[in-house]
Protein backbone atom coordinates (compact mmCIF):
# COMPACT_ATOMS: atom_id res chain seq x y z
CA MET A 1 15.65 60.29 38.51
CA ASN A 2 13.09 58.03 36.43
CA MET A 3 13.79 55.29 34.31
CA ARG A 4 16.30 55.69 31.60
CA ALA A 5 15.31 56.99 27.84
CA GLU A 6 16.66 54.09 26.18
CA THR A 7 15.02 51.68 28.63
CA HIS A 8 11.68 53.34 27.76
CA ARG A 9 12.19 53.44 24.13
CA ALA A 10 13.27 49.75 23.94
CA LEU A 11 9.94 48.46 25.87
CA ALA A 12 7.67 50.91 24.24
CA LEU A 13 9.24 49.32 20.71
CA ILE A 14 8.58 45.92 21.77
CA ALA A 15 5.06 46.53 23.30
CA GLY A 16 4.13 47.98 20.12
CA LYS A 17 5.22 45.06 18.27
CA LEU A 18 3.76 42.64 20.45
CA ALA A 19 0.29 44.52 20.00
CA LYS A 20 0.98 44.51 16.38
CA LEU A 21 0.76 48.31 16.32
CA ASP A 22 1.08 49.40 12.56
CA LYS A 23 4.94 50.11 11.76
CA ASN A 24 4.32 53.58 11.07
CA LEU A 25 2.89 54.60 14.27
CA LEU A 26 5.78 53.13 16.20
CA PRO A 27 8.09 56.12 16.43
CA TYR A 28 5.32 58.29 17.46
CA LEU A 29 4.57 55.48 20.37
CA ILE A 30 8.32 55.46 21.42
CA GLU A 31 8.43 59.23 21.24
CA GLY A 32 5.70 59.62 23.12
CA ALA A 33 7.06 57.04 25.90
CA GLU A 34 10.15 59.36 26.27
CA ALA A 35 7.99 62.90 26.25
CA PRO A 36 6.83 62.67 29.89
CA ASP A 37 10.69 63.59 31.04
CA LYS A 38 11.11 66.42 28.51
CA LEU A 39 7.48 67.77 28.40
CA PRO A 40 6.21 66.84 31.76
CA ASP A 41 2.24 66.78 32.87
CA TYR A 42 0.75 68.82 35.41
CA THR A 43 -2.37 68.66 37.70
CA TYR A 44 -3.81 70.76 39.97
CA GLN A 45 -3.44 70.21 43.88
CA SER A 46 -6.09 71.80 46.24
CA TYR A 47 -4.38 73.30 49.62
CA ILE A 48 -6.13 75.50 52.77
CA THR A 49 -4.06 78.95 53.38
CA TYR A 50 -3.76 79.93 56.92
CA ARG A 51 -6.91 81.92 56.68
CA GLY A 52 -8.90 79.09 55.92
CA ARG A 53 -9.38 79.51 52.21
CA VAL A 54 -9.14 76.70 49.37
CA ARG A 55 -6.47 77.71 46.78
CA TYR A 56 -5.23 75.38 43.98
CA ARG A 57 -1.56 75.05 42.74
CA LYS A 58 -0.08 73.51 39.62
CA VAL A 59 2.01 70.46 40.51
CA ARG A 60 3.91 68.32 38.01
CA VAL A 61 2.66 64.76 37.96
CA ARG A 62 5.08 62.26 39.62
CA HIS A 63 6.20 59.57 37.51
CA HIS A 64 6.76 56.62 40.20
CA GLY A 65 3.24 56.33 41.62
CA ALA A 66 1.84 58.78 39.18
CA PRO A 67 -2.10 59.36 40.00
CA PHE A 68 -4.34 57.17 38.35
CA ASP A 69 -6.58 59.55 37.39
CA VAL A 70 -3.92 61.16 35.12
CA ILE A 71 -3.11 57.53 33.85
CA LYS A 72 -7.07 57.34 33.02
CA SER A 73 -7.45 60.25 31.21
CA THR A 74 -4.72 59.81 29.22
CA ILE A 75 -5.50 56.32 27.97
CA ILE A 76 -9.16 57.78 27.46
CA GLU A 77 -7.95 60.60 25.48
CA ALA A 78 -5.66 58.24 23.60
CA ARG A 79 -8.94 56.22 22.48
CA ARG A 80 -10.69 59.08 21.69
CA GLU A 81 -8.20 60.56 19.12
CA TRP A 82 -7.84 56.83 17.86
CA LEU A 83 -11.62 56.68 16.93
CA LYS A 84 -11.38 60.25 15.36
CA GLY A 85 -8.61 58.73 13.13
CA ARG A 86 -6.11 60.80 14.62
CA LYS A 87 -3.50 58.10 14.70
CA GLU A 88 -0.19 59.51 15.29
CA ARG A 89 -1.89 61.44 18.28
CA ALA A 90 -3.17 58.79 19.52
CA ALA A 91 0.06 56.69 19.58
CA GLY A 92 2.07 59.83 21.28
CA LEU A 93 -0.49 59.59 24.02
CA ALA A 94 -0.44 55.63 24.46
CA GLY A 95 3.64 56.35 24.62
CA ARG A 96 3.00 58.91 27.48
CA VAL A 97 0.72 56.15 29.46
CA LEU A 98 3.62 53.57 28.78
CA HIS A 99 6.43 55.84 30.69
CA TYR A 100 4.12 56.24 33.67
CA ILE A 101 3.65 52.20 33.62
CA GLY A 102 7.43 51.85 33.28
CA ASP A 103 8.20 54.03 35.76
CA GLY A 104 5.79 53.08 38.01
CA SER A 105 7.15 49.40 38.30
CA ILE A 106 10.39 50.61 39.72
CA VAL A 107 10.54 51.53 43.31
CA SER A 108 10.49 55.31 43.59
CA PRO A 109 13.54 57.06 44.94
CA SER A 110 11.78 58.91 47.68
CA VAL A 111 11.09 55.45 48.87
CA ASN A 112 14.87 53.87 48.53
CA GLU A 113 16.97 55.84 46.81
CA LYS A 114 19.85 53.02 46.37
CA LEU A 115 17.28 50.45 45.63
CA HIS A 116 15.72 52.59 42.68
CA GLU A 117 19.41 53.36 41.33
CA LYS A 118 20.25 50.03 41.46
CA MET A 119 17.21 48.49 39.51
CA GLU A 120 17.41 51.28 36.99
CA ARG A 121 21.07 50.13 36.30
CA GLU A 122 19.90 46.66 35.96
CA CYS A 123 17.10 47.38 33.67
CA ALA A 124 19.08 49.38 31.50
CA LYS A 125 21.28 45.97 30.98
CA ILE A 126 18.43 43.60 30.42
CA ASP A 127 17.46 42.87 26.71
CA PRO A 128 13.75 42.81 26.96
CA ARG A 129 13.52 40.52 24.01
CA SER A 130 15.07 37.65 26.46
CA LEU A 131 12.13 37.69 28.53
CA LEU A 132 9.27 37.46 25.91
CA ASN A 133 8.88 33.59 26.64
CA LYS A 134 8.13 34.45 30.26
CA LEU A 135 5.16 36.94 29.40
CA LYS A 136 1.63 35.92 29.94
CA LEU A 137 -0.30 38.46 27.98
CA VAL A 138 -4.02 39.30 28.40
CA ARG A 139 -5.94 41.06 25.59
CA PRO A 140 -8.56 43.36 27.28
CA VAL A 141 -12.16 43.93 25.90
CA GLY A 142 -13.51 47.51 26.63
CA LYS A 143 -12.67 50.43 28.77
CA ARG A 144 -13.48 48.49 31.91
CA GLN A 145 -11.01 45.60 31.46
CA THR A 146 -8.22 48.08 30.08
CA LEU A 147 -8.58 50.17 33.51
CA GLU A 148 -8.27 47.16 35.50
CA ILE A 149 -5.09 46.25 33.87
CA ALA A 150 -3.93 49.75 34.04
CA LYS A 151 -4.44 49.82 38.09
CA LYS A 152 -2.33 46.92 38.32
CA VAL A 153 0.96 49.31 38.35
CA GLN A 154 3.04 49.00 41.36
CA PRO A 155 6.75 48.59 42.33
CA ALA A 156 8.22 45.26 41.68
CA GLU A 157 10.78 43.20 43.61
CA ASN A 158 13.50 42.97 41.19
CA ALA A 159 14.54 44.33 37.41
CA VAL A 160 13.48 41.45 35.89
CA GLN A 161 9.97 41.42 37.41
CA ALA A 162 9.94 45.12 36.53
CA ILE A 163 10.67 44.32 32.93
CA LEU A 164 8.00 41.93 32.97
CA ASN A 165 5.43 43.82 34.50
CA THR A 166 5.91 46.82 32.37
CA LEU A 167 5.65 44.44 28.73
CA THR A 168 2.53 42.77 30.26
CA ILE A 169 0.47 46.07 31.30
CA SER A 170 1.83 47.98 28.35
CA PHE A 171 0.61 45.61 25.83
CA GLY A 172 -2.77 45.11 27.56
CA VAL A 173 -3.15 48.92 27.46
CA ILE A 174 -2.16 49.62 23.90
CA SER A 175 -3.57 46.85 22.68
CA SER A 176 -6.99 47.55 23.71
CA ILE A 177 -6.57 51.53 22.57
CA PHE A 178 -5.75 50.24 19.08
CA SER A 179 -8.26 47.79 18.85
CA SER A 180 -11.13 47.66 16.47
CA HIS A 181 -13.54 50.82 16.31
CA LYS A 182 -16.38 48.79 16.26
CA ALA A 183 -18.15 47.55 19.44
CA PRO A 184 -17.54 43.58 19.69
CA GLU A 185 -20.75 41.35 19.35
CA LYS A 186 -21.24 40.70 23.15
CA PHE A 187 -21.28 44.73 23.73
CA LEU A 188 -23.59 45.08 20.55
CA ARG A 189 -26.03 42.90 21.82
CA ILE A 190 -26.52 44.50 25.28
CA GLY A 191 -26.31 48.02 23.13
CA LYS A 192 -29.52 46.97 21.15
CA LYS A 193 -31.55 45.66 23.86
CA TYR A 194 -31.13 48.78 25.78
CA TYR A 195 -31.66 51.02 22.66
CA ASN A 196 -35.00 48.62 22.26
CA HIS A 197 -35.97 49.48 25.85
CA LEU A 198 -35.76 53.48 24.96
CA LYS A 199 -37.92 53.14 21.87
CA THR A 200 -40.43 50.73 23.79
CA ASN A 201 -40.62 53.80 26.30
CA LYS A 202 -40.53 56.44 23.97
CA GLY A 203 -43.63 58.25 25.62
CA SER A 204 -42.03 58.28 29.09
CA LEU A 205 -38.80 59.19 27.85
CA PHE A 206 -40.43 62.47 25.80
CA ILE A 207 -42.21 63.39 28.81
CA LEU A 208 -39.46 63.43 31.19
CA SER A 209 -37.22 65.17 28.49
CA VAL A 210 -39.86 67.97 28.27
CA LEU A 211 -40.23 68.34 32.17
CA PHE A 212 -36.37 68.40 32.59
CA ILE A 213 -36.50 71.38 30.26
CA VAL A 214 -40.03 73.31 31.34
CA PHE A 215 -38.81 72.54 35.04
CA PRO A 216 -36.45 75.14 35.72
CA ILE A 217 -38.36 77.85 33.55
CA LEU A 218 -41.19 77.06 35.90
CA ASP A 219 -38.95 77.99 38.94
CA VAL A 220 -37.68 80.85 37.43
CA GLY A 221 -41.54 82.27 36.76
CA PHE A 222 -42.64 81.57 40.28
CA LEU A 223 -39.34 83.26 41.67
CA SER A 224 -40.28 86.17 39.32
CA PHE A 225 -43.67 86.27 40.94
CA GLN A 226 -42.24 86.38 44.54
CA LEU A 227 -39.47 88.94 43.47
CA GLY A 228 -41.91 91.33 41.90
CA ALA A 229 -41.29 93.83 39.23
CA ASP A 230 -37.45 94.41 39.82
CA LEU A 231 -35.75 93.13 36.89
CA ILE A 232 -32.31 93.30 37.61
CA ALA A 233 -33.12 91.64 41.30
CA MET A 234 -35.09 89.09 39.43
CA ILE A 235 -32.08 88.39 37.30
CA GLU A 236 -29.37 88.21 39.92
CA THR A 237 -31.37 86.16 42.40
CA SER A 238 -32.50 83.70 39.71
CA LEU A 239 -29.11 83.30 38.62
CA ILE A 240 -27.64 82.78 42.02
CA SER A 241 -30.47 80.77 43.24
CA LEU A 242 -31.53 78.38 40.56
CA GLY A 243 -28.40 78.70 37.78
CA TRP A 244 -26.88 75.53 39.64
CA PHE A 245 -29.64 73.25 38.32
CA LEU A 246 -30.96 74.94 35.35
CA ILE A 247 -27.99 73.86 32.94
CA PRO A 248 -27.79 70.13 34.08
CA SER A 249 -31.47 70.01 33.97
CA TRP A 250 -31.75 71.65 30.12
CA VAL A 251 -28.54 69.21 29.23
CA MET A 252 -30.65 66.08 30.33
CA GLY A 253 -33.73 67.36 28.57
CA LEU A 254 -31.92 67.88 25.64
CA SER A 255 -30.36 64.65 25.65
CA GLY A 256 -33.37 62.69 26.02
CA MET A 257 -34.82 64.60 23.26
CA ILE A 258 -31.72 63.14 20.93
CA MET A 259 -32.52 59.79 22.40
CA PHE A 260 -36.39 60.11 21.53
CA LYS A 261 -36.11 61.30 17.97
CA SER A 262 -32.85 59.80 16.62
CA ASN A 263 -32.97 56.03 15.38
CA ASP A 264 -29.25 56.17 15.18
CA LEU A 265 -27.89 53.42 17.77
CA ASN A 266 -24.50 55.39 18.53
CA ARG A 267 -26.46 58.95 18.88
CA CYS A 268 -28.85 57.44 21.37
CA LEU A 269 -26.39 55.41 23.27
CA TYR A 270 -23.96 58.79 23.55
CA SER A 271 -26.86 60.98 24.30
CA ALA A 272 -27.98 58.43 26.98
CA ARG A 273 -24.60 58.59 28.62
CA ARG A 274 -24.76 62.17 28.72
CA MET A 275 -27.88 62.50 30.49
CA TYR A 276 -26.73 59.91 33.04
CA LYS A 277 -23.29 62.00 33.90
CA TRP A 278 -25.30 65.27 34.18
CA MET A 279 -27.40 63.54 36.69
CA LYS A 280 -25.04 64.09 39.33
CA GLY A 281 -24.77 67.66 38.44
CA LEU A 282 -28.47 67.88 38.69
CA ILE A 283 -28.49 66.30 42.27
CA ILE A 284 -26.02 68.73 43.52
CA GLY A 285 -27.81 71.80 41.83
CA VAL A 286 -31.08 71.07 43.21
CA ILE A 287 -29.76 70.80 46.60
CA VAL A 288 -27.73 74.06 46.41
CA SER A 289 -30.53 75.81 44.95
CA GLY A 290 -32.80 74.39 47.70
CA ILE A 291 -30.50 75.66 50.42
CA ILE A 292 -30.24 79.13 48.98
CA LEU A 293 -34.18 79.42 48.42
CA PHE A 294 -34.53 78.16 52.01
CA SER A 295 -31.85 80.90 53.42
CA ILE A 296 -33.94 84.01 51.69
CA ASN A 297 -36.96 82.74 53.10
CA LEU A 298 -38.55 81.29 50.07
CA ILE A 299 -39.62 77.87 51.66
CA PRO A 300 -42.62 76.94 49.38
CA LEU A 301 -40.30 77.66 46.31
CA CYS A 302 -37.20 75.57 47.98
CA LEU A 303 -40.07 72.65 48.64
CA MET A 304 -41.12 72.86 45.26
CA THR A 305 -37.55 72.59 43.74
CA ILE A 306 -36.58 69.89 45.81
CA ILE A 307 -39.82 67.61 45.62
CA THR A 308 -40.20 68.40 41.86
CA GLY A 309 -36.33 67.86 40.91
CA GLY A 310 -36.03 64.92 43.27
CA SER A 311 -39.11 63.17 41.67
CA LEU A 312 -37.88 63.66 38.14
CA LEU A 313 -34.61 62.49 39.20
CA LEU A 314 -35.88 59.22 40.55
CA THR A 315 -38.04 58.70 37.73
CA ASN A 316 -35.65 59.18 35.39
CA TYR A 317 -33.36 56.85 37.07
CA PHE A 318 -35.60 53.87 37.65
CA LYS A 319 -36.88 54.03 34.38
CA PHE A 320 -33.72 54.05 32.26
CA PHE A 321 -30.61 53.49 34.16
CA ARG A 322 -31.66 50.88 36.71
CA LEU A 323 -31.51 48.39 34.05
CA GLU A 324 -28.81 45.50 34.01
CA GLU A 325 -28.36 46.22 30.25
CA TRP A 326 -27.22 49.73 31.34
CA ARG A 327 -25.05 48.65 34.09
CA ARG A 328 -22.87 46.65 31.80
CA ILE A 329 -22.73 48.99 28.70
CA LYS A 330 -22.07 52.49 30.40
CA ASP A 331 -18.84 52.21 30.71
CA GLU A 332 -18.17 51.12 27.16
CA ILE A 333 -20.23 53.52 25.25
CA ASP A 334 -17.32 55.92 24.59
CA TRP A 335 -14.77 53.14 23.96
CA PHE A 336 -16.40 52.00 20.56
CA LYS A 337 -18.26 53.04 17.54
CA TRP A 338 -21.57 51.33 17.16
CA MET A 339 -23.88 50.63 14.39
CA GLY A 340 -23.58 52.46 10.91
CA GLU A 341 -19.97 52.75 11.16
């Protein structure tokens, strides 16, 4: 059993009012806070069969000690909906987060069933408004601080502390989700500085972007030459061996082109974030393709793929993503809208 529905409603209402949420959105927040008990979230869990194969099964997300990835993804989705102007949807998702915060503040019945039931009964008897003078509220700025607050969810020692913890963390999370669309000045200064770095190095950015697009094409050409005139064999082998890094490389190249051509701060930062995220995919793709090419005895092409791909990745990283400005702003880009909004 989880925290009672009336307790979830009361805590969501007070947290929403503390965060000064629009009163028209409070019903959606409250409804969302009850929703996981009626419409549970699910995730996928891997397991190994007796034959040694990896399989996945759909499992219901537990409410006490919910995986942080679920809480994190719901917070980010709620903020994304808010930025898109879908306010009611954002409020409903934020409510679901509050549900997990509330349940996570009470000991799980699987750990201590009697204590769990006792704390539930005591929480239901407490009027949260009587504890408002004991709250120490912190309003986070940006995604990083918001997720750090969300990580603090843990079972409290008693019912009063559980209520205080729930309200404190809930306030921090929803006050950030529903904060201004526009990036605050401290982030805006860093964003502009990084943008200026991109524009100062437009030549390097253009060359790298072109190489990321051309690199897979050259590899396919060399592979075709090695395989000869058998078109079907060429296509199959190309997809199996080179498909692993082709898409990441093209996404990075096209993102770089957008950064090169656009004079819009929003578009440049969002494209930079996309390019940065796909670097991991390209690393994995180059390694996997190299192994496949080596296994079919195409060693020269294997070396070319690894050396060329590795050189492009390192050059790109050190030129555009090793900057202090990028480290400070990369987690905040999708949390705000920037200039011109």
